[in-house]
Amino acid sequence: MAAEGQKVFNTVCMACHGLDAKGNQMLGAPNLTDNIWLYGSSRDQIQHTVAAVVPI
């Protein structure tokens, strides 16, 4: 699952969040490596947030 997630990140997310997932404030892409959660940190909330923005 991690390998598949990496493929999706590299294809969809990396353009805004960067290779290091540190984000890009100018694009409004948050840092995914810190402990600041914009929409909740539960597994269900993370899945919901990703599903809303990742066209799988």
PDB file of N, CA and C in Angstrom:
ATOM      1  N   MET A   1       0.816  -1.193   0.000  1.00  0.00           N
ATOM      2  CA  MET A   1       0.000   0.000   0.000  1.00  0.00           C
ATOM      3  C   MET A   1       0.861   1.259   0.000  1.00  0.00           C
ATOM      4  N   ALA A   2       1.969   1.220   0.723  1.00  0.00           N
ATOM      5  CA  ALA A   2       2.849   2.387   0.777  1.00  0.00           C
ATOM      6  C   ALA A   2       3.420   2.701  -0.605  1.00  0.00           C
ATOM      7  N   ALA A   3       3.787   1.665  -1.350  1.00  0.00           N
ATOM      8  CA  ALA A   3       4.345   1.874  -2.693  1.00  0.00           C
ATOM      9  C   ALA A   3       3.301   2.494  -3.618  1.00  0.00           C
ATOM     10  N   GLU A   4       2.065   2.049  -3.513  1.00  0.00           N
ATOM     11  CA  GLU A   4       0.994   2.621  -4.331  1.00  0.00           C
ATOM     12  C   GLU A   4       0.732   4.071  -3.921  1.00  0.00           C
ATOM     13  N   GLY A   5       0.759   4.326  -2.614  1.00  0.00           N
ATOM     14  CA  GLY A   5       0.586   5.695  -2.133  1.00  0.00           C
ATOM     15  C   GLY A   5       1.692   6.618  -2.621  1.00  0.00           C
ATOM     16  N   GLN A   6       2.907   6.106  -2.667  1.00  0.00           N
ATOM     17  CA  GLN A   6       4.041   6.895  -3.161  1.00  0.00           C
ATOM     18  C   GLN A   6       3.846   7.250  -4.629  1.00  0.00           C
ATOM     19  N   LYS A   7       3.326   6.305  -5.412  1.00  0.00           N
ATOM     20  CA  LYS A   7       3.060   6.580  -6.833  1.00  0.00           C
ATOM     21  C   LYS A   7       2.033   7.699  -6.982  1.00  0.00           C
ATOM     22  N   VAL A   8       0.972   7.629  -6.175  1.00  0.00           N
ATOM     23  CA  VAL A   8      -0.061   8.669  -6.233  1.00  0.00           C
ATOM     24  C   VAL A   8       0.522  10.011  -5.806  1.00  0.00           C
ATOM     25  N   PHE A   9       1.279  10.021  -4.714  1.00  0.00           N
ATOM     26  CA  PHE A   9       1.893  11.270  -4.251  1.00  0.00           C
ATOM     27  C   PHE A   9       2.773  11.860  -5.341  1.00  0.00           C
ATOM     28  N   ASN A  10       3.610  11.041  -5.940  1.00  0.00           N
ATOM     29  CA  ASN A  10       4.523  11.520  -6.978  1.00  0.00           C
ATOM     30  C   ASN A  10       3.783  12.036  -8.202  1.00  0.00           C
ATOM     31  N   THR A  11       2.634  11.469  -8.495  1.00  0.00           N
ATOM     32  CA  THR A  11       1.864  11.847  -9.680  1.00  0.00           C
ATOM     33  C   THR A  11       0.958  13.039  -9.434  1.00  0.00           C
ATOM     34  N   VAL A  12       0.318  13.084  -8.267  1.00  0.00           N
ATOM     35  CA  VAL A  12      -0.732  14.075  -8.018  1.00  0.00           C
ATOM     36  C   VAL A  12      -0.312  15.154  -7.024  1.00  0.00           C
ATOM     37  N   CYS A  13       0.302  14.771  -5.936  1.00  0.00           N
ATOM     38  CA  CYS A  13       0.518  15.670  -4.811  1.00  0.00           C
ATOM     39  C   CYS A  13       1.830  16.442  -4.866  1.00  0.00           C
ATOM     40  N   MET A  14       2.857  15.810  -5.395  1.00  0.00           N
ATOM     41  CA  MET A  14       4.194  16.382  -5.352  1.00  0.00           C
ATOM     42  C   MET A  14       4.286  17.740  -6.043  1.00  0.00           C
ATOM     43  N   ALA A  15       3.501  17.976  -7.054  1.00  0.00           N
ATOM     44  CA  ALA A  15       3.571  19.244  -7.779  1.00  0.00           C
ATOM     45  C   ALA A  15       3.340  20.439  -6.853  1.00  0.00           C
ATOM     46  N   CYS A  16       2.459  20.292  -5.884  1.00  0.00           N
ATOM     47  CA  CYS A  16       2.179  21.390  -4.966  1.00  0.00           C
ATOM     48  C   CYS A  16       2.890  21.238  -3.621  1.00  0.00           C
ATOM     49  N   HIS A  17       2.911  20.024  -3.090  1.00  0.00           N
ATOM     50  CA  HIS A  17       3.482  19.802  -1.760  1.00  0.00           C
ATOM     51  C   HIS A  17       4.985  19.603  -1.796  1.00  0.00           C
ATOM     52  N   GLY A  18       5.554  19.374  -2.977  1.00  0.00           N
ATOM     53  CA  GLY A  18       6.989  19.205  -3.128  1.00  0.00           C
ATOM     54  C   GLY A  18       7.460  17.793  -2.854  1.00  0.00           C
ATOM     55  N   LEU A  19       8.637  17.484  -3.333  1.00  0.00           N
ATOM     56  CA  LEU A  19       9.225  16.162  -3.167  1.00  0.00           C
ATOM     57  C   LEU A  19       9.379  15.800  -1.697  1.00  0.00           C
ATOM     58  N   ASP A  20       9.660  16.808  -0.859  1.00  0.00           N
ATOM     59  CA  ASP A  20       9.854  16.568   0.572  1.00  0.00           C
ATOM     60  C   ASP A  20       8.565  16.724   1.372  1.00  0.00           C
ATOM     61  N   ALA A  21       7.455  17.005   0.704  1.00  0.00           N
ATOM     62  CA  ALA A  21       6.123  17.174   1.318  1.00  0.00           C
ATOM     63  C   ALA A  21       6.067  18.348   2.293  1.00  0.00           C
ATOM     64  N   LYS A  22       6.974  19.304   2.136  1.00  0.00           N
ATOM     65  CA  LYS A  22       7.017  20.469   3.030  1.00  0.00           C
ATOM     66  C   LYS A  22       6.030  21.561   2.621  1.00  0.00           C
ATOM     67  N   GLY A  23       5.383  21.400   1.463  1.00  0.00           N
ATOM     68  CA  GLY A  23       4.361  22.339   1.036  1.00  0.00           C
ATOM     69  C   GLY A  23       4.907  23.537   0.286  1.00  0.00           C
ATOM     70  N   ASN A  24       3.987  24.371  -0.162  1.00  0.00           N
ATOM     71  CA  ASN A  24       4.307  25.592  -0.888  1.00  0.00           C
ATOM     72  C   ASN A  24       3.261  26.622  -0.497  1.00  0.00           C
ATOM     73  N   GLN A  25       3.624  27.533   0.396  1.00  0.00           N
ATOM     74  CA  GLN A  25       2.679  28.532   0.887  1.00  0.00           C
ATOM     75  C   GLN A  25       2.102  29.389  -0.227  1.00  0.00           C
ATOM     76  N   MET A  26       2.878  29.669  -1.248  1.00  0.00           N
ATOM     77  CA  MET A  26       2.394  30.511  -2.345  1.00  0.00           C
ATOM     78  C   MET A  26       1.254  29.834  -3.111  1.00  0.00           C
ATOM     79  N   LEU A  27       1.237  28.509  -3.094  1.00  0.00           N
ATOM     80  CA  LEU A  27       0.163  27.767  -3.759  1.00  0.00           C
ATOM     81  C   LEU A  27      -0.959  27.385  -2.796  1.00  0.00           C
ATOM     82  N   GLY A  28      -0.744  27.615  -1.519  1.00  0.00           N
ATOM     83  CA  GLY A  28      -1.721  27.205  -0.520  1.00  0.00           C
ATOM     84  C   GLY A  28      -1.625  25.726  -0.172  1.00  0.00           C
ATOM     85  N   ALA A  29      -0.500  25.103  -0.509  1.00  0.00           N
ATOM     86  CA  ALA A  29      -0.286  23.684  -0.226  1.00  0.00           C
ATOM     87  C   ALA A  29       0.426  23.550   1.111  1.00  0.00           C
ATOM     88  N   PRO A  30      -0.248  23.009   2.121  1.00  0.00           N
ATOM     89  CA  PRO A  30       0.352  22.940   3.447  1.00  0.00           C
ATOM     90  C   PRO A  30       1.479  21.921   3.562  1.00  0.00           C
ATOM     91  N   ASN A  31       2.285  22.113   4.573  1.00  0.00           N
ATOM     92  CA  ASN A  31       3.350  21.180   4.923  1.00  0.00           C
ATOM     93  C   ASN A  31       2.695  19.910   5.462  1.00  0.00           C
ATOM     94  N   LEU A  32       3.016  18.777   4.873  1.00  0.00           N
ATOM     95  CA  LEU A  32       2.428  17.510   5.298  1.00  0.00           C
ATOM     96  C   LEU A  32       3.300  16.778   6.308  1.00  0.00           C
ATOM     97  N   THR A  33       4.407  17.396   6.712  1.00  0.00           N
ATOM     98  CA  THR A  33       5.340  16.708   7.600  1.00  0.00           C
ATOM     99  C   THR A  33       5.339  17.247   9.025  1.00  0.00           C
ATOM    100  N   ASP A  34       4.550  18.283   9.290  1.00  0.00           N
ATOM    101  CA  ASP A  34       4.516  18.836  10.641  1.00  0.00           C
ATOM    102  C   ASP A  34       3.281  18.332  11.394  1.00  0.00           C
ATOM    103  N   ASN A  35       3.072  18.840  12.574  1.00  0.00           N
ATOM    104  CA  ASN A  35       1.937  18.413  13.396  1.00  0.00           C
ATOM    105  C   ASN A  35       0.763  19.379  13.333  1.00  0.00           C
ATOM    106  N   ILE A  36       0.706  20.189  12.294  1.00  0.00           N
ATOM    107  CA  ILE A  36      -0.402  21.124  12.121  1.00  0.00           C
ATOM    108  C   ILE A  36      -1.393  20.492  11.151  1.00  0.00           C
ATOM    109  N   TRP A  37      -2.605  20.265  11.642  1.00  0.00           N
ATOM    110  CA  TRP A  37      -3.641  19.614  10.831  1.00  0.00           C
ATOM    111  C   TRP A  37      -4.744  20.619  10.535  1.00  0.00           C
ATOM    112  N   LEU A  38      -5.024  20.836   9.266  1.00  0.00           N
ATOM    113  CA  LEU A  38      -6.051  21.798   8.886  1.00  0.00           C
ATOM    114  C   LEU A  38      -7.447  21.208   8.986  1.00  0.00           C
ATOM    115  N   TYR A  39      -7.599  19.918   8.713  1.00  0.00           N
ATOM    116  CA  TYR A  39      -8.924  19.304   8.636  1.00  0.00           C
ATOM    117  C   TYR A  39      -9.060  18.085   9.541  1.00  0.00           C
ATOM    118  N   GLY A  40      -8.196  17.915  10.509  1.00  0.00           N
ATOM    119  CA  GLY A  40      -8.281  16.792  11.426  1.00  0.00           C
ATOM    120  C   GLY A  40      -7.213  15.756  11.165  1.00  0.00           C
ATOM    121  N   SER A  41      -6.818  15.045  12.225  1.00  0.00           N
ATOM    122  CA  SER A  41      -5.709  14.101  12.098  1.00  0.00           C
ATOM    123  C   SER A  41      -6.115  12.643  12.258  1.00  0.00           C
ATOM    124  N   SER A  42      -7.402  12.383  12.390  1.00  0.00           N
ATOM    125  CA  SER A  42      -7.835  10.990  12.507  1.00  0.00           C
ATOM    126  C   SER A  42      -7.670  10.294  11.159  1.00  0.00           C
ATOM    127  N   ARG A  43      -7.521   8.992  11.199  1.00  0.00           N
ATOM    128  CA  ARG A  43      -7.371   8.218   9.962  1.00  0.00           C
ATOM    129  C   ARG A  43      -8.548   8.472   9.015  1.00  0.00           C
ATOM    130  N   ASP A  44      -9.764   8.460   9.555  1.00  0.00           N
ATOM    131  CA  ASP A  44     -10.948   8.690   8.722  1.00  0.00           C
ATOM    132  C   ASP A  44     -10.929  10.074   8.086  1.00  0.00           C
ATOM    133  N   GLN A  45     -10.547  11.097   8.859  1.00  0.00           N
ATOM    134  CA  GLN A  45     -10.530  12.453   8.315  1.00  0.00           C
ATOM    135  C   GLN A  45      -9.448  12.619   7.251  1.00  0.00           C
ATOM    136  N   ILE A  46      -8.297  12.013   7.473  1.00  0.00           N
ATOM    137  CA  ILE A  46      -7.230  12.078   6.472  1.00  0.00           C
ATOM    138  C   ILE A  46      -7.683  11.391   5.185  1.00  0.00           C
ATOM    139  N   GLN A  47      -8.281  10.222   5.302  1.00  0.00           N
ATOM    140  CA  GLN A  47      -8.779   9.512   4.120  1.00  0.00           C
ATOM    141  C   GLN A  47      -9.829  10.347   3.393  1.00  0.00           C
ATOM    142  N   HIS A  48     -10.723  10.975   4.137  1.00  0.00           N
ATOM    143  CA  HIS A  48     -11.759  11.813   3.535  1.00  0.00           C
ATOM    144  C   HIS A  48     -11.134  12.999   2.798  1.00  0.00           C
ATOM    145  N   THR A  49     -10.166  13.648   3.427  1.00  0.00           N
ATOM    146  CA  THR A  49      -9.522  14.812   2.821  1.00  0.00           C
ATOM    147  C   THR A  49      -8.781  14.427   1.547  1.00  0.00           C
ATOM    148  N   VAL A  50      -8.025  13.354   1.599  1.00  0.00           N
ATOM    149  CA  VAL A  50      -7.280  12.917   0.413  1.00  0.00           C
ATOM    150  C   VAL A  50      -8.237  12.507  -0.696  1.00  0.00           C
ATOM    151  N   ALA A  51      -9.268  11.760  -0.358  1.00  0.00           N
ATOM    152  CA  ALA A  51     -10.234  11.311  -1.366  1.00  0.00           C
ATOM    153  C   ALA A  51     -10.925  12.485  -2.037  1.00  0.00           C
ATOM    154  N   ALA A  52     -11.080  13.597  -1.320  1.00  0.00           N
ATOM    155  CA  ALA A  52     -11.742  14.774  -1.881  1.00  0.00           C
ATOM    156  C   ALA A  52     -10.891  15.488  -2.915  1.00  0.00           C
ATOM    157  N   VAL A  53      -9.566  15.340  -2.833  1.00  0.00           N
ATOM    158  CA  VAL A  53      -8.687  16.087  -3.735  1.00  0.00           C
ATOM    159  C   VAL A  53      -7.887  15.224  -4.708  1.00  0.00           C
ATOM    160  N   VAL A  54      -7.831  13.926  -4.471  1.00  0.00           N
ATOM    161  CA  VAL A  54      -7.032  13.050  -5.333  1.00  0.00           C
ATOM    162  C   VAL A  54      -7.957  12.295  -6.272  1.00  0.00           C
ATOM    163  N   PRO A  55      -7.854  12.549  -7.565  1.00  0.00           N
ATOM    164  CA  PRO A  55      -8.724  11.864  -8.546  1.00  0.00           C
ATOM    165  C   PRO A  55      -8.240  10.434  -8.825  1.00  0.00           C
ATOM    166  N   ILE A  56      -8.720   9.504  -8.005  1.00  0.00           N
ATOM    167  CA  ILE A  56      -8.312   8.104  -8.190  1.00  0.00           C
ATOM    168  C   ILE A  56      -9.434   7.334  -8.844  1.00  0.00           C
TER     169      ILE A  56
END
